[in-house]
Amino acid sequence: MPTERPSLVQPTLNKIDVEALKRDLKKFEEHYPAGVSRAWAQWLQDIDKLLELPNHSQWPLEILQKCPKVQRSESEEISIPDHLQAMRDKETVETQQVCVLVYVKWCLVYVL
């Protein structure tokens, strides 16, 4: 279990040829729906934002640690909805193995 907040990894675009993407987008723009073409153009325009680390991030473990623990008494009945219980029962039932033996006898008939 982690004891401290992990450090964020600095993103890099070393493996992406941004100029080739921009060039290819213009080449194939007419083959895409207008919305798709606009989305790619916007993504390429804002590509430098991908390299920025966020100023604030939430570490889920800190949130979970601050949550109050739920205390249930042993006498408290927990009801599971029927559809969930049926799904559980279907998955936990023991699988039956069926073995089928087929016996085929081949006869060769010679016609004279």
C-alpha atoms as a PDB file:
ATOM      1  CA  MET A   1       0.000   0.000   0.000  1.00  0.00           C
ATOM      2  CA  PRO A   2       1.503   3.368  -0.963  1.00  0.00           C
ATOM      3  CA  THR A   3       2.482   5.597   1.925  1.00  0.00           C
ATOM      4  CA  GLU A   4       2.783   8.859   0.020  1.00  0.00           C
ATOM      5  CA  ARG A   5       1.418  10.581  -3.048  1.00  0.00           C
ATOM      6  CA  PRO A   6       3.199   9.454  -6.223  1.00  0.00           C
ATOM      7  CA  SER A   7       4.934  12.038  -8.358  1.00  0.00           C
ATOM      8  CA  LEU A   8       3.448  12.752 -11.768  1.00  0.00           C
ATOM      9  CA  VAL A   9       5.343  11.650 -14.838  1.00  0.00           C
ATOM     10  CA  GLN A  10       6.309  14.384 -17.271  1.00  0.00           C
ATOM     11  CA  PRO A  11       4.621  13.637 -20.610  1.00  0.00           C
ATOM     12  CA  THR A  12       6.661  13.605 -23.794  1.00  0.00           C
ATOM     13  CA  LEU A  13       5.824  13.708 -27.489  1.00  0.00           C
ATOM     14  CA  ASN A  14       9.081  12.108 -28.638  1.00  0.00           C
ATOM     15  CA  LYS A  15       7.296   9.216 -30.338  1.00  0.00           C
ATOM     16  CA  ILE A  16       4.736  11.408 -32.119  1.00  0.00           C
ATOM     17  CA  ASP A  17       5.559  13.126 -35.392  1.00  0.00           C
ATOM     18  CA  VAL A  18       3.333  16.181 -34.898  1.00  0.00           C
ATOM     19  CA  GLU A  19       4.305  17.795 -38.190  1.00  0.00           C
ATOM     20  CA  ALA A  20       3.397  14.627 -40.100  1.00  0.00           C
ATOM     21  CA  LEU A  21       0.026  14.532 -38.339  1.00  0.00           C
ATOM     22  CA  LYS A  22      -0.671  18.141 -39.290  1.00  0.00           C
ATOM     23  CA  ARG A  23       0.366  17.477 -42.877  1.00  0.00           C
ATOM     24  CA  ASP A  24      -1.704  14.292 -43.131  1.00  0.00           C
ATOM     25  CA  LEU A  25      -4.745  15.934 -41.594  1.00  0.00           C
ATOM     26  CA  LYS A  26      -4.802  18.479 -44.410  1.00  0.00           C
ATOM     27  CA  LYS A  27      -4.358  15.705 -46.991  1.00  0.00           C
ATOM     28  CA  PHE A  28      -7.174  13.521 -45.737  1.00  0.00           C
ATOM     29  CA  GLU A  29      -9.488  16.196 -44.346  1.00  0.00           C
ATOM     30  CA  GLU A  30     -12.109  15.611 -47.025  1.00  0.00           C
ATOM     31  CA  HIS A  31     -12.368  11.908 -46.131  1.00  0.00           C
ATOM     32  CA  TYR A  32     -13.399  12.576 -42.523  1.00  0.00           C
ATOM     33  CA  PRO A  33     -16.722  13.917 -41.271  1.00  0.00           C
ATOM     34  CA  ALA A  34     -16.482  17.641 -40.450  1.00  0.00           C
ATOM     35  CA  GLY A  35     -16.726  17.010 -36.688  1.00  0.00           C
ATOM     36  CA  VAL A  36     -13.876  14.508 -36.703  1.00  0.00           C
ATOM     37  CA  SER A  37     -11.694  16.793 -38.771  1.00  0.00           C
ATOM     38  CA  ARG A  38     -12.375  19.723 -36.401  1.00  0.00           C
ATOM     39  CA  ALA A  39     -11.627  17.558 -33.352  1.00  0.00           C
ATOM     40  CA  TRP A  40      -8.251  16.463 -34.770  1.00  0.00           C
ATOM     41  CA  ALA A  41      -7.402  20.032 -35.784  1.00  0.00           C
ATOM     42  CA  GLN A  42      -8.242  21.257 -32.260  1.00  0.00           C
ATOM     43  CA  TRP A  43      -6.185  18.457 -30.711  1.00  0.00           C
ATOM     44  CA  LEU A  44      -3.181  19.360 -32.847  1.00  0.00           C
ATOM     45  CA  GLN A  45      -3.615  23.056 -32.080  1.00  0.00           C
ATOM     46  CA  ASP A  46      -3.648  22.368 -28.335  1.00  0.00           C
ATOM     47  CA  ILE A  47      -0.955  19.685 -28.386  1.00  0.00           C
ATOM     48  CA  ASP A  48       1.373  21.751 -26.181  1.00  0.00           C
ATOM     49  CA  LYS A  49      -1.231  21.521 -23.406  1.00  0.00           C
ATOM     50  CA  LEU A  50      -0.610  17.783 -23.330  1.00  0.00           C
ATOM     51  CA  LEU A  51       2.883  18.464 -22.020  1.00  0.00           C
ATOM     52  CA  GLU A  52       1.681  20.502 -19.042  1.00  0.00           C
ATOM     53  CA  LEU A  53       1.410  18.884 -15.654  1.00  0.00           C
ATOM     54  CA  PRO A  54      -1.731  19.794 -13.721  1.00  0.00           C
ATOM     55  CA  ASN A  55      -1.404  22.269 -10.849  1.00  0.00           C
ATOM     56  CA  HIS A  56      -3.813  20.269  -8.746  1.00  0.00           C
ATOM     57  CA  SER A  57      -4.544  16.579  -8.759  1.00  0.00           C
ATOM     58  CA  GLN A  58      -6.529  14.294  -6.522  1.00  0.00           C
ATOM     59  CA  TRP A  59      -4.928  11.226  -5.088  1.00  0.00           C
ATOM     60  CA  PRO A  60      -7.761   8.728  -4.572  1.00  0.00           C
ATOM     61  CA  LEU A  61      -6.077   7.105  -1.591  1.00  0.00           C
ATOM     62  CA  GLU A  62      -6.201  10.393   0.360  1.00  0.00           C
ATOM     63  CA  ILE A  63      -9.900  10.712  -0.402  1.00  0.00           C
ATOM     64  CA  LEU A  64     -10.557   7.158   0.759  1.00  0.00           C
ATOM     65  CA  GLN A  65      -8.548   7.655   3.951  1.00  0.00           C
ATOM     66  CA  LYS A  66     -10.663  10.708   4.862  1.00  0.00           C
ATOM     67  CA  CYS A  67     -13.945   8.848   4.389  1.00  0.00           C
ATOM     68  CA  PRO A  68     -15.658   7.742   7.570  1.00  0.00           C
ATOM     69  CA  LYS A  69     -15.877   4.014   8.012  1.00  0.00           C
ATOM     70  CA  VAL A  70     -19.323   2.514   7.915  1.00  0.00           C
ATOM     71  CA  GLN A  71     -20.177   0.586  11.038  1.00  0.00           C
ATOM     72  CA  ARG A  72     -22.842  -2.091  10.713  1.00  0.00           C
ATOM     73  CA  SER A  73     -24.185  -4.142  13.503  1.00  0.00           C
ATOM     74  CA  GLU A  74     -24.171  -7.879  13.022  1.00  0.00           C
ATOM     75  CA  SER A  75     -27.923  -7.981  13.430  1.00  0.00           C
ATOM     76  CA  GLU A  76     -28.448  -5.538  10.565  1.00  0.00           C
ATOM     77  CA  GLU A  77     -29.820  -7.422   7.586  1.00  0.00           C
ATOM     78  CA  ILE A  78     -28.297  -6.550   4.223  1.00  0.00           C
ATOM     79  CA  SER A  79     -30.620  -7.256   1.339  1.00  0.00           C
ATOM     80  CA  ILE A  80     -29.188  -7.965  -2.078  1.00  0.00           C
ATOM     81  CA  PRO A  81     -31.439  -7.095  -5.021  1.00  0.00           C
ATOM     82  CA  ASP A  82     -32.920 -10.177  -6.685  1.00  0.00           C
ATOM     83  CA  HIS A  83     -31.304  -9.569 -10.091  1.00  0.00           C
ATOM     84  CA  LEU A  84     -27.846  -9.307  -8.500  1.00  0.00           C
ATOM     85  CA  GLN A  85     -28.435 -12.420  -6.419  1.00  0.00           C
ATOM     86  CA  ALA A  86     -29.505 -14.295  -9.564  1.00  0.00           C
ATOM     87  CA  MET A  87     -26.329 -13.196 -11.358  1.00  0.00           C
ATOM     88  CA  ARG A  88     -24.211 -14.333  -8.404  1.00  0.00           C
ATOM     89  CA  ASP A  89     -25.996 -17.671  -8.201  1.00  0.00           C
ATOM     90  CA  LYS A  90     -25.518 -18.261 -11.931  1.00  0.00           C
ATOM     91  CA  GLU A  91     -21.762 -17.637 -11.653  1.00  0.00           C
ATOM     92  CA  THR A  92     -21.204 -19.685  -8.511  1.00  0.00           C
ATOM     93  CA  VAL A  93     -23.133 -22.811  -9.447  1.00  0.00           C
ATOM     94  CA  GLU A  94     -20.830 -25.768  -9.986  1.00  0.00           C
ATOM     95  CA  THR A  95     -20.302 -26.577 -13.631  1.00  0.00           C
ATOM     96  CA  GLN A  96     -21.658 -29.936 -14.668  1.00  0.00           C
ATOM     97  CA  GLN A  97     -19.487 -31.984 -16.925  1.00  0.00           C
ATOM     98  CA  VAL A  98     -21.239 -33.931 -19.626  1.00  0.00           C
ATOM     99  CA  CYS A  99     -19.383 -36.706 -21.355  1.00  0.00           C
ATOM    100  CA  VAL A 100     -20.797 -38.083 -24.561  1.00  0.00           C
ATOM    101  CA  LEU A 101     -19.411 -41.238 -26.068  1.00  0.00           C
ATOM    102  CA  VAL A 102     -20.166 -41.918 -29.673  1.00  0.00           C
ATOM    103  CA  TYR A 103     -19.563 -45.366 -31.040  1.00  0.00           C
ATOM    104  CA  VAL A 104     -19.526 -45.675 -34.771  1.00  0.00           C
ATOM    105  CA  LYS A 105     -19.054 -48.943 -36.495  1.00  0.00           C
ATOM    106  CA  TRP A 106     -17.824 -48.743 -40.047  1.00  0.00           C
ATOM    107  CA  CYS A 107     -18.898 -51.381 -42.448  1.00  0.00           C
ATOM    108  CA  LEU A 108     -17.352 -51.871 -45.804  1.00  0.00           C
ATOM    109  CA  VAL A 109     -19.518 -53.423 -48.412  1.00  0.00           C
ATOM    110  CA  TYR A 110     -17.939 -54.843 -51.493  1.00  0.00           C
ATOM    111  CA  VAL A 111     -20.042 -54.951 -54.584  1.00  0.00           C
ATOM    112  CA  LEU A 112     -19.104 -57.699 -57.018  1.00  0.00           C
END
